[in-house]
N, C-alpha and C. Protein backbone atom coordinates (compact mmCIF):
# COMPACT_ATOMS: atom_id res chain seq x y z
N MET A 1 -2.80 85.98 -20.95
CA MET A 1 -3.57 86.74 -19.05
C MET A 1 -3.06 87.79 -18.81
N LEU A 2 -3.46 88.94 -18.82
CA LEU A 2 -3.30 90.40 -18.78
C LEU A 2 -4.71 90.90 -18.58
N ALA A 3 -5.40 90.02 -19.36
CA ALA A 3 -7.73 90.46 -19.66
C ALA A 3 -7.52 89.60 -18.84
N LEU A 4 -7.59 88.47 -17.58
CA LEU A 4 -7.87 87.66 -16.97
C LEU A 4 -7.83 88.74 -15.54
N PHE A 5 -6.24 89.33 -15.37
CA PHE A 5 -6.52 89.91 -14.17
C PHE A 5 -6.97 91.09 -14.27
N LYS A 6 -6.84 91.63 -15.66
CA LYS A 6 -7.66 93.48 -15.81
C LYS A 6 -9.46 92.90 -15.38
N PHE A 7 -9.85 91.94 -15.47
CA PHE A 7 -11.47 91.47 -15.16
C PHE A 7 -11.41 90.91 -13.31
N LEU A 8 -10.67 90.37 -13.41
CA LEU A 8 -10.88 89.91 -12.01
C LEU A 8 -10.43 91.18 -10.82
N TYR A 9 -9.27 92.40 -11.31
CA TYR A 9 -9.75 93.23 -10.57
C TYR A 9 -11.01 94.19 -10.90
N LEU A 10 -11.44 94.29 -11.82
CA LEU A 10 -12.71 95.28 -11.87
C LEU A 10 -13.90 94.42 -10.96
N ILE A 11 -13.63 92.93 -11.15
CA ILE A 11 -15.16 92.79 -10.67
C ILE A 11 -14.65 92.35 -9.19
N SER A 12 -13.96 92.35 -8.41
CA SER A 12 -13.43 92.42 -7.28
C SER A 12 -13.27 93.93 -6.71
N ILE A 13 -13.72 94.48 -7.45
CA ILE A 13 -13.49 96.05 -7.25
C ILE A 13 -14.96 96.69 -7.08
N VAL A 14 -15.81 96.14 -7.73
CA VAL A 14 -17.27 96.29 -8.35
C VAL A 14 -17.79 94.93 -7.29
N VAL A 15 -17.43 94.07 -7.03
CA VAL A 15 -18.49 93.34 -6.27
C VAL A 15 -17.82 94.58 -4.56
N TRP A 16 -16.70 94.49 -4.43
CA TRP A 16 -16.89 95.30 -3.27
C TRP A 16 -16.99 96.53 -2.81
N VAL A 17 -17.33 96.91 -3.71
CA VAL A 17 -17.65 98.48 -3.39
C VAL A 17 -19.30 98.16 -3.45
N GLY A 18 -19.84 97.34 -4.21
CA GLY A 18 -21.35 97.33 -4.01
C GLY A 18 -21.82 96.61 -3.14
N MET A 19 -21.13 96.31 -2.57
CA MET A 19 -21.34 94.97 -1.79
C MET A 19 -21.56 95.92 -0.30
N LEU A 20 -20.53 97.17 -0.06
CA LEU A 20 -19.98 98.40 0.39
C LEU A 20 -21.81 98.73 1.11
N ILE A 21 -22.07 99.50 -0.74
CA ILE A 21 -22.72 100.15 -0.38
C ILE A 21 -24.36 99.82 -0.65
N PHE A 22 -24.43 98.74 -0.78
CA PHE A 22 -25.83 97.65 -1.05
C PHE A 22 -26.08 97.26 0.75
N PHE A 23 -24.98 97.12 1.25
CA PHE A 23 -25.01 96.67 2.50
C PHE A 23 -25.38 97.93 3.75
N SER A 24 -24.69 98.81 3.63
CA SER A 24 -24.57 99.73 4.79
C SER A 24 -26.09 100.92 4.05
N PHE A 25 -26.46 101.67 2.56
CA PHE A 25 -27.37 102.33 2.95
C PHE A 25 -28.71 101.74 2.20
N VAL A 26 -28.68 100.03 2.44
CA VAL A 26 -30.03 99.27 1.38
C VAL A 26 -30.45 98.12 2.49
N ALA A 27 -29.37 97.24 2.93
CA ALA A 27 -29.56 95.97 4.08
C ALA A 27 -29.84 96.61 4.73
N ALA A 28 -28.88 97.03 5.30
CA ALA A 28 -28.80 97.05 7.17
C ALA A 28 -30.06 98.02 7.27
N PRO A 29 -29.79 99.41 7.00
CA PRO A 29 -31.49 100.10 7.38
C PRO A 29 -32.69 99.61 7.43
N ALA A 30 -32.75 98.64 5.88
CA ALA A 30 -33.88 98.09 6.17
C ALA A 30 -34.79 96.77 6.87
N ILE A 31 -33.58 95.92 7.39
CA ILE A 31 -33.43 94.95 8.40
C ILE A 31 -33.65 95.68 9.32
N PHE A 32 -33.32 96.45 10.15
CA PHE A 32 -33.40 97.25 11.47
C PHE A 32 -35.03 98.37 11.04
N ALA A 33 -35.64 98.48 10.00
CA ALA A 33 -36.61 99.33 10.01
C ALA A 33 -37.93 98.34 10.19
N THR A 34 -37.21 97.08 10.07
CA THR A 34 -38.69 95.99 9.54
C THR A 34 -38.47 94.81 10.97
N LEU A 35 -37.62 94.76 11.48
CA LEU A 35 -37.02 94.01 11.99
C LEU A 35 -37.91 94.57 13.82
N PRO A 36 -37.61 93.76 15.13
CA PRO A 36 -37.82 94.36 16.09
C PRO A 36 -35.84 94.57 16.21
N ARG A 37 -35.44 95.09 17.26
CA ARG A 37 -34.36 95.58 16.86
C ARG A 37 -33.40 94.29 17.75
N ASN A 38 -33.65 93.41 18.73
CA ASN A 38 -33.08 92.32 18.83
C ASN A 38 -32.03 91.12 17.62
N THR A 39 -34.34 91.04 16.95
CA THR A 39 -33.87 89.81 15.34
C THR A 39 -32.41 90.82 15.12
N ALA A 40 -33.42 91.87 15.05
CA ALA A 40 -32.45 92.88 13.43
C ALA A 40 -31.02 92.94 14.39
N GLY A 41 -30.64 92.59 14.98
CA GLY A 41 -29.11 92.47 15.35
C GLY A 41 -28.30 91.29 15.36
N GLU A 42 -29.36 90.34 15.61
CA GLU A 42 -29.38 89.05 15.29
C GLU A 42 -28.83 88.65 13.61
N VAL A 43 -29.72 89.00 12.69
CA VAL A 43 -29.75 88.96 11.32
C VAL A 43 -28.12 89.37 10.72
N VAL A 44 -28.05 90.61 11.58
CA VAL A 44 -27.09 91.25 10.54
C VAL A 44 -25.99 90.29 11.07
N GLY A 45 -25.73 90.40 12.63
CA GLY A 45 -24.54 89.55 13.16
C GLY A 45 -24.30 88.58 12.39
N ALA A 46 -25.41 87.53 11.64
CA ALA A 46 -25.37 86.05 11.21
C ALA A 46 -24.38 86.65 9.52
N ILE A 47 -25.61 87.97 8.92
CA ILE A 47 -24.45 88.36 7.57
C ILE A 47 -22.84 88.29 7.45
N PHE A 48 -22.56 89.49 8.82
CA PHE A 48 -21.25 89.60 9.03
C PHE A 48 -20.09 89.19 8.87
N PRO A 49 -19.57 87.37 9.43
CA PRO A 49 -19.25 86.86 8.72
C PRO A 49 -18.27 86.76 7.09
N LYS A 50 -19.98 86.53 6.54
CA LYS A 50 -19.58 87.04 5.40
C LYS A 50 -19.57 88.32 4.66
N TYR A 51 -19.73 89.05 4.74
CA TYR A 51 -19.85 90.40 4.78
C TYR A 51 -18.12 90.58 4.83
N TRP A 52 -17.24 90.82 5.68
CA TRP A 52 -15.48 90.76 5.87
C TRP A 52 -15.27 89.75 5.40
N LEU A 53 -15.40 87.79 5.09
CA LEU A 53 -14.78 87.57 3.96
C LEU A 53 -14.60 87.92 2.81
N ILE A 54 -15.92 88.07 1.93
CA ILE A 54 -16.18 89.16 0.73
C ILE A 54 -15.08 90.62 0.39
N GLY A 55 -15.04 90.83 1.57
CA GLY A 55 -14.10 91.99 1.38
C GLY A 55 -12.47 91.45 1.90
N TYR A 56 -12.20 90.34 2.29
CA TYR A 56 -11.65 89.84 2.17
C TYR A 56 -10.89 89.85 1.58
N ILE A 57 -11.41 89.14 0.76
CA ILE A 57 -11.23 88.01 -0.68
C ILE A 57 -11.39 89.19 -1.85
N CYS A 58 -11.99 90.01 -2.00
CA CYS A 58 -12.04 91.57 -2.89
C CYS A 58 -10.87 92.36 -2.44
N ALA A 59 -10.18 92.09 -1.99
CA ALA A 59 -8.83 93.47 -1.37
C ALA A 59 -7.88 92.51 -1.48
N ILE A 60 -7.91 91.13 -1.47
CA ILE A 60 -6.65 90.49 -1.63
C ILE A 60 -6.27 90.40 -3.23
N VAL A 61 -8.26 89.72 -3.96
CA VAL A 61 -7.80 89.84 -5.68
C VAL A 61 -7.80 91.05 -6.25
N SER A 62 -8.38 92.31 -6.10
CA SER A 62 -7.82 93.52 -6.03
C SER A 62 -6.21 93.89 -6.26
N VAL A 63 -6.15 94.16 -4.94
CA VAL A 63 -4.32 94.18 -4.88
C VAL A 63 -3.67 93.46 -5.70
N ILE A 64 -3.55 92.09 -5.59
CA ILE A 64 -2.35 91.50 -6.14
C ILE A 64 -2.70 91.31 -8.22
N SER A 65 -4.59 91.23 -8.60
CA SER A 65 -4.53 91.87 -10.10
C SER A 65 -3.80 93.12 -10.34
N LEU A 66 -3.99 94.51 -8.99
CA LEU A 66 -3.22 95.42 -9.43
C LEU A 66 -1.94 94.87 -9.80
N VAL A 67 -1.47 94.68 -8.67
CA VAL A 67 0.16 94.62 -8.82
C VAL A 67 0.41 93.80 -9.93
N VAL A 68 -0.32 92.74 -10.89
CA VAL A 68 0.61 92.31 -12.32
C VAL A 68 0.07 93.48 -13.63
N ILE A 69 -0.87 93.54 -12.83
CA ILE A 69 -1.18 95.01 -14.84
C ILE A 69 0.14 96.18 -14.22
N PHE A 70 0.22 96.90 -12.77
CA PHE A 70 1.20 97.10 -12.98
C PHE A 70 2.87 96.90 -13.64
N LEU A 71 2.89 95.52 -13.27
CA LEU A 71 4.52 94.78 -13.57
C LEU A 71 4.26 94.95 -15.54
N THR A 72 2.78 94.42 -15.63
CA THR A 72 2.94 94.71 -16.98
C THR A 72 2.81 95.50 -17.98
N GLU A 73 1.91 96.08 -16.95
CA GLU A 73 1.99 98.05 -18.15
C GLU A 73 2.31 98.19 -17.96
N GLY A 74 2.64 98.82 -15.94
CA GLY A 74 3.32 99.88 -16.20
C GLY A 74 2.55 101.23 -15.97
N ARG A 75 1.85 101.07 -16.27
CA ARG A 75 1.10 102.84 -16.24
C ARG A 75 -0.22 103.18 -15.15
N ILE A 76 0.47 102.19 -14.60
CA ILE A 76 -0.90 102.71 -13.01
C ILE A 76 -0.31 104.07 -11.95
N SER A 77 -0.86 104.94 -11.89
CA SER A 77 -0.69 106.06 -10.37
C SER A 77 0.18 105.55 -9.45
N TYR A 78 0.77 105.81 -8.56
CA TYR A 78 1.01 105.62 -7.20
C TYR A 78 -0.26 106.13 -6.11
N LEU A 79 -0.72 106.93 -6.93
CA LEU A 79 -1.99 107.69 -6.14
C LEU A 79 -3.00 106.35 -6.03
N HIS A 80 -3.05 105.56 -7.23
CA HIS A 80 -3.47 104.46 -7.11
C HIS A 80 -4.00 103.23 -7.01
N PHE A 81 -2.65 102.97 -6.46
CA PHE A 81 -1.71 102.33 -5.41
C PHE A 81 -2.06 102.32 -4.12
N ILE A 82 -1.82 103.21 -3.40
CA ILE A 82 -2.29 104.33 -2.17
C ILE A 82 -3.54 103.73 -2.09
N VAL A 83 -4.85 104.53 -2.99
CA VAL A 83 -6.33 104.16 -2.10
C VAL A 83 -6.36 103.15 -1.95
N LEU A 84 -5.53 102.29 -2.77
CA LEU A 84 -5.78 100.78 -3.06
C LEU A 84 -5.97 100.22 -1.84
N PHE A 85 -4.53 100.61 -1.62
CA PHE A 85 -4.18 99.71 -0.09
C PHE A 85 -4.34 100.11 1.05
N LEU A 86 -5.17 101.39 1.29
CA LEU A 86 -5.57 102.07 2.55
C LEU A 86 -6.64 101.72 2.17
N MET A 87 -7.91 100.83 1.25
CA MET A 87 -9.01 100.33 0.99
C MET A 87 -8.84 98.96 2.03
N ALA A 88 -7.68 98.43 1.17
CA ALA A 88 -7.19 96.86 1.78
C ALA A 88 -7.38 97.17 3.08
N GLY A 89 -6.51 97.75 3.51
CA GLY A 89 -5.80 97.78 5.29
C GLY A 89 -7.25 98.00 5.83
N LEU A 90 -8.25 99.09 5.74
CA LEU A 90 -8.69 99.85 6.21
C LEU A 90 -10.54 98.12 7.08
N VAL A 91 -10.49 97.54 5.44
CA VAL A 91 -11.29 96.62 5.51
C VAL A 91 -10.73 95.51 6.53
N PHE A 92 -9.58 94.94 6.09
CA PHE A 92 -8.38 94.47 7.40
C PHE A 92 -8.28 94.57 8.78
N TYR A 93 -8.04 96.18 8.68
CA TYR A 93 -8.62 96.17 10.24
C TYR A 93 -9.34 96.73 11.04
N THR A 94 -10.65 96.96 10.26
CA THR A 94 -12.22 97.08 10.57
C THR A 94 -12.80 95.63 11.13
N GLY A 95 -12.35 94.18 10.14
CA GLY A 95 -13.11 93.37 10.25
C GLY A 95 -13.01 92.44 11.09
N LEU A 96 -11.39 92.86 11.93
CA LEU A 96 -10.13 91.99 12.29
C LEU A 96 -10.26 92.61 14.06
N PHE A 97 -10.60 94.11 14.32
CA PHE A 97 -10.32 94.39 15.41
C PHE A 97 -11.94 95.26 15.81
N PRO A 98 -12.57 96.42 15.42
CA PRO A 98 -13.57 96.96 16.17
C PRO A 98 -14.76 95.99 15.66
N ALA A 99 -14.94 95.57 14.62
CA ALA A 99 -15.99 94.66 14.38
C ALA A 99 -15.89 93.95 15.08
N LYS A 100 -15.34 92.76 14.79
CA LYS A 100 -15.08 91.66 16.19
C LYS A 100 -15.06 92.48 17.58
N ARG A 101 -14.64 93.43 17.84
CA ARG A 101 -14.60 93.38 19.33
C ARG A 101 -16.04 94.18 19.98
N ALA A 102 -17.04 94.71 18.79
CA ALA A 102 -18.04 95.04 18.77
C ALA A 102 -19.06 93.58 18.68
N ARG A 103 -18.84 92.08 17.86
CA ARG A 103 -19.36 91.02 17.99
C ARG A 103 -19.02 89.95 19.74
N ASP A 104 -17.99 90.70 20.50
CA ASP A 104 -17.60 90.08 21.58
C ASP A 104 -17.91 90.48 22.73
N ILE A 105 -18.53 92.25 22.28
CA ILE A 105 -19.05 92.79 23.42
C ILE A 105 -21.14 91.96 23.62
N LYS A 106 -20.84 92.14 22.18
CA LYS A 106 -22.74 91.20 21.50
C LYS A 106 -23.00 90.63 22.74
N ALA A 107 -22.53 89.66 22.32
CA ALA A 107 -22.05 87.85 22.65
C ALA A 107 -22.22 88.37 24.22
N ARG A 108 -20.96 89.22 25.16
CA ARG A 108 -21.32 89.07 26.64
C ARG A 108 -22.26 89.56 27.31
N LEU A 109 -23.17 91.00 26.24
CA LEU A 109 -24.52 91.28 26.39
C LEU A 109 -25.77 90.38 26.72
N THR A 110 -25.37 89.46 25.96
CA THR A 110 -26.07 89.01 26.02
C THR A 110 -26.84 87.97 27.14
N ASP A 111 -25.10 87.32 27.59
CA ASP A 111 -25.18 86.53 28.94
C ASP A 111 -25.24 87.66 30.13
N THR A 112 -25.43 89.01 29.89
CA THR A 112 -25.44 89.32 31.15
C THR A 112 -26.58 89.76 31.93
N GLU A 113 -27.00 89.22 33.56
CA GLU A 113 -28.61 89.97 33.90
C GLU A 113 -27.56 91.02 34.50
N ASN A 114 -26.17 91.64 35.34
CA ASN A 114 -26.31 92.75 35.57
C ASN A 114 -26.89 93.77 35.19
N GLU A 115 -27.32 94.81 35.50
CA GLU A 115 -28.00 95.64 34.98
C GLU A 115 -27.03 97.01 34.28
N HIS A 116 -25.66 96.98 35.99
CA HIS A 116 -24.27 98.02 35.83
C HIS A 116 -23.94 97.74 34.84
N LEU A 117 -23.23 96.65 34.62
CA LEU A 117 -22.33 96.05 33.49
C LEU A 117 -23.29 96.26 32.13
N ARG A 118 -24.27 95.44 32.00
CA ARG A 118 -25.16 95.81 30.88
C ARG A 118 -24.98 96.82 30.36
N ALA A 119 -25.12 97.51 31.46
CA ALA A 119 -24.84 99.55 30.65
C ALA A 119 -23.35 99.94 30.33
N GLU A 120 -22.65 99.43 30.87
CA GLU A 120 -21.03 99.70 30.35
C GLU A 120 -20.94 99.27 29.09
N LEU A 121 -21.83 97.65 28.98
CA LEU A 121 -20.90 96.99 28.06
C LEU A 121 -22.31 97.27 26.34
N GLU A 122 -23.20 98.29 26.86
CA GLU A 122 -24.16 98.67 26.20
C GLU A 122 -23.03 99.82 25.21
N ARG A 123 -22.30 100.37 26.66
CA ARG A 123 -21.82 101.73 26.15
C ARG A 123 -20.21 101.58 25.07
N GLU A 124 -19.63 100.16 25.85
CA GLU A 124 -18.67 99.65 24.96
C GLU A 124 -18.91 99.59 23.52
N PHE A 125 -20.47 98.94 23.44
CA PHE A 125 -20.67 98.35 21.83
C PHE A 125 -20.70 99.68 21.09
N LYS A 126 -21.34 100.73 21.68
CA LYS A 126 -22.22 101.88 20.84
C LYS A 126 -20.52 101.82 21.03
N ASN A 127 -19.58 101.87 21.12
CA ASN A 127 -18.33 102.70 20.51
C ASN A 127 -17.69 102.35 19.75
N ALA A 128 -17.37 100.48 20.25
CA ALA A 128 -16.66 99.87 18.74
C ALA A 128 -17.98 100.04 17.70
N HIS A 129 -18.95 100.37 17.72
CA HIS A 129 -20.56 99.57 16.61
C HIS A 129 -19.95 101.26 15.79
N ARG A 130 -19.87 102.89 16.36
CA ARG A 130 -19.08 103.96 15.69
C ARG A 130 -17.49 103.46 14.94
N GLU A 131 -17.06 103.23 15.82
CA GLU A 131 -15.60 103.31 14.80
C GLU A 131 -15.47 101.87 13.96
N SER A 132 -16.51 101.48 13.77
CA SER A 132 -16.76 100.15 12.28
C SER A 132 -17.08 100.78 11.51
N SER A 133 -18.49 102.04 11.88
CA SER A 133 -19.10 102.60 10.87
C SER A 133 -18.39 103.15 10.04
N ILE A 134 -17.70 104.09 10.79
CA ILE A 134 -17.05 105.11 10.51
C ILE A 134 -16.05 104.68 9.36
N MET A 135 -15.05 103.01 10.05
CA MET A 135 -14.07 102.58 9.27
C MET A 135 -14.65 102.62 7.78
N ASN A 136 -15.76 102.33 8.05
CA ASN A 136 -16.98 101.55 6.66
C ASN A 136 -17.60 102.38 5.79
N ILE A 137 -17.24 103.81 6.70
CA ILE A 137 -18.06 104.44 5.40
C ILE A 137 -16.14 105.39 4.77
N ILE A 138 -15.66 105.16 5.45
CA ILE A 138 -14.30 106.16 4.63
C ILE A 138 -14.28 104.83 3.56
N THR A 139 -14.49 103.52 3.95
CA THR A 139 -13.96 101.85 3.38
C THR A 139 -14.54 102.57 1.77
N ILE A 140 -15.87 102.89 1.91
CA ILE A 140 -16.49 103.01 0.87
C ILE A 140 -16.27 104.71 -0.16
N GLY A 141 -15.61 105.40 0.72
CA GLY A 141 -15.34 106.48 -0.31
C GLY A 141 -13.84 106.21 -1.15
N LEU A 142 -13.34 105.53 -0.45
CA LEU A 142 -11.93 105.30 -0.81
C LEU A 142 -12.49 104.41 -2.09
N GLY A 143 -13.20 103.00 -2.28
CA GLY A 143 -13.90 102.78 -2.82
C GLY A 143 -13.95 103.37 -4.64
N ILE A 144 -14.44 104.42 -3.28
CA ILE A 144 -15.02 105.08 -5.07
C ILE A 144 -14.20 105.98 -5.90
N VAL A 145 -12.90 105.95 -4.67
CA VAL A 145 -12.14 106.86 -5.73
C VAL A 145 -10.95 105.86 -6.52
N VAL A 146 -11.11 105.02 -6.25
CA VAL A 146 -9.96 103.88 -6.84
C VAL A 146 -11.29 103.54 -8.01
N ILE A 147 -12.78 103.01 -7.34
CA ILE A 147 -13.89 103.25 -9.28
C ILE A 147 -13.10 104.33 -10.04
N PHE A 148 -12.96 105.65 -9.69
CA PHE A 148 -13.40 106.66 -10.47
C PHE A 148 -11.15 106.55 -10.66
N LEU A 149 -10.33 106.15 -10.15
CA LEU A 149 -9.22 106.03 -11.21
C LEU A 149 -9.21 105.23 -11.66
N THR A 150 -9.94 104.04 -11.82
CA THR A 150 -10.31 102.88 -12.61
C THR A 150 -10.36 103.27 -14.60
N SER A 151 -11.36 104.15 -13.68
CA SER A 151 -12.69 104.84 -14.72
C SER A 151 -11.18 105.63 -15.98
N MET A 152 -10.89 106.06 -15.16
CA MET A 152 -9.73 107.23 -16.40
C MET A 152 -8.77 106.56 -17.06
N ARG A 153 -8.70 105.36 -17.07
CA ARG A 153 -7.92 104.47 -17.78
C ARG A 153 -8.44 103.13 -18.41
N LEU A 154 -9.65 103.86 -18.57
CA LEU A 154 -11.15 102.92 -20.01
C LEU A 154 -10.72 103.05 -20.86
């Protein structure tokens, strides 16, 4: 049974960090480089609900698995837990707050004809997007630390 939780832990971390890196540094830049800006935004907007859902699932599976491994073996450092909990907290925070705010602003932008309101909404969108991007980069960094800490146990 312990082997199953070790597998679930590893697969959840690999999928999660791999997805973060691939989307952030390969998929999104390629989409915006090849498609018109509005179309690229629509494509990325269609991907995001699945992106966040996968992140939430991986966060939950990795945390539960690490807790079970710890309770069974007791050999996991507190630093490992802290970094993983920070990573999980950030994915939920980012997906539920700045990313949702950016989605909501983008929807309002689509429906707005007023130029003054449009400019204000674009500014708000850039701020929400910036916050979301920063949180995403921090999550990637934490994910790399989690992988390093995991590799030390192999």
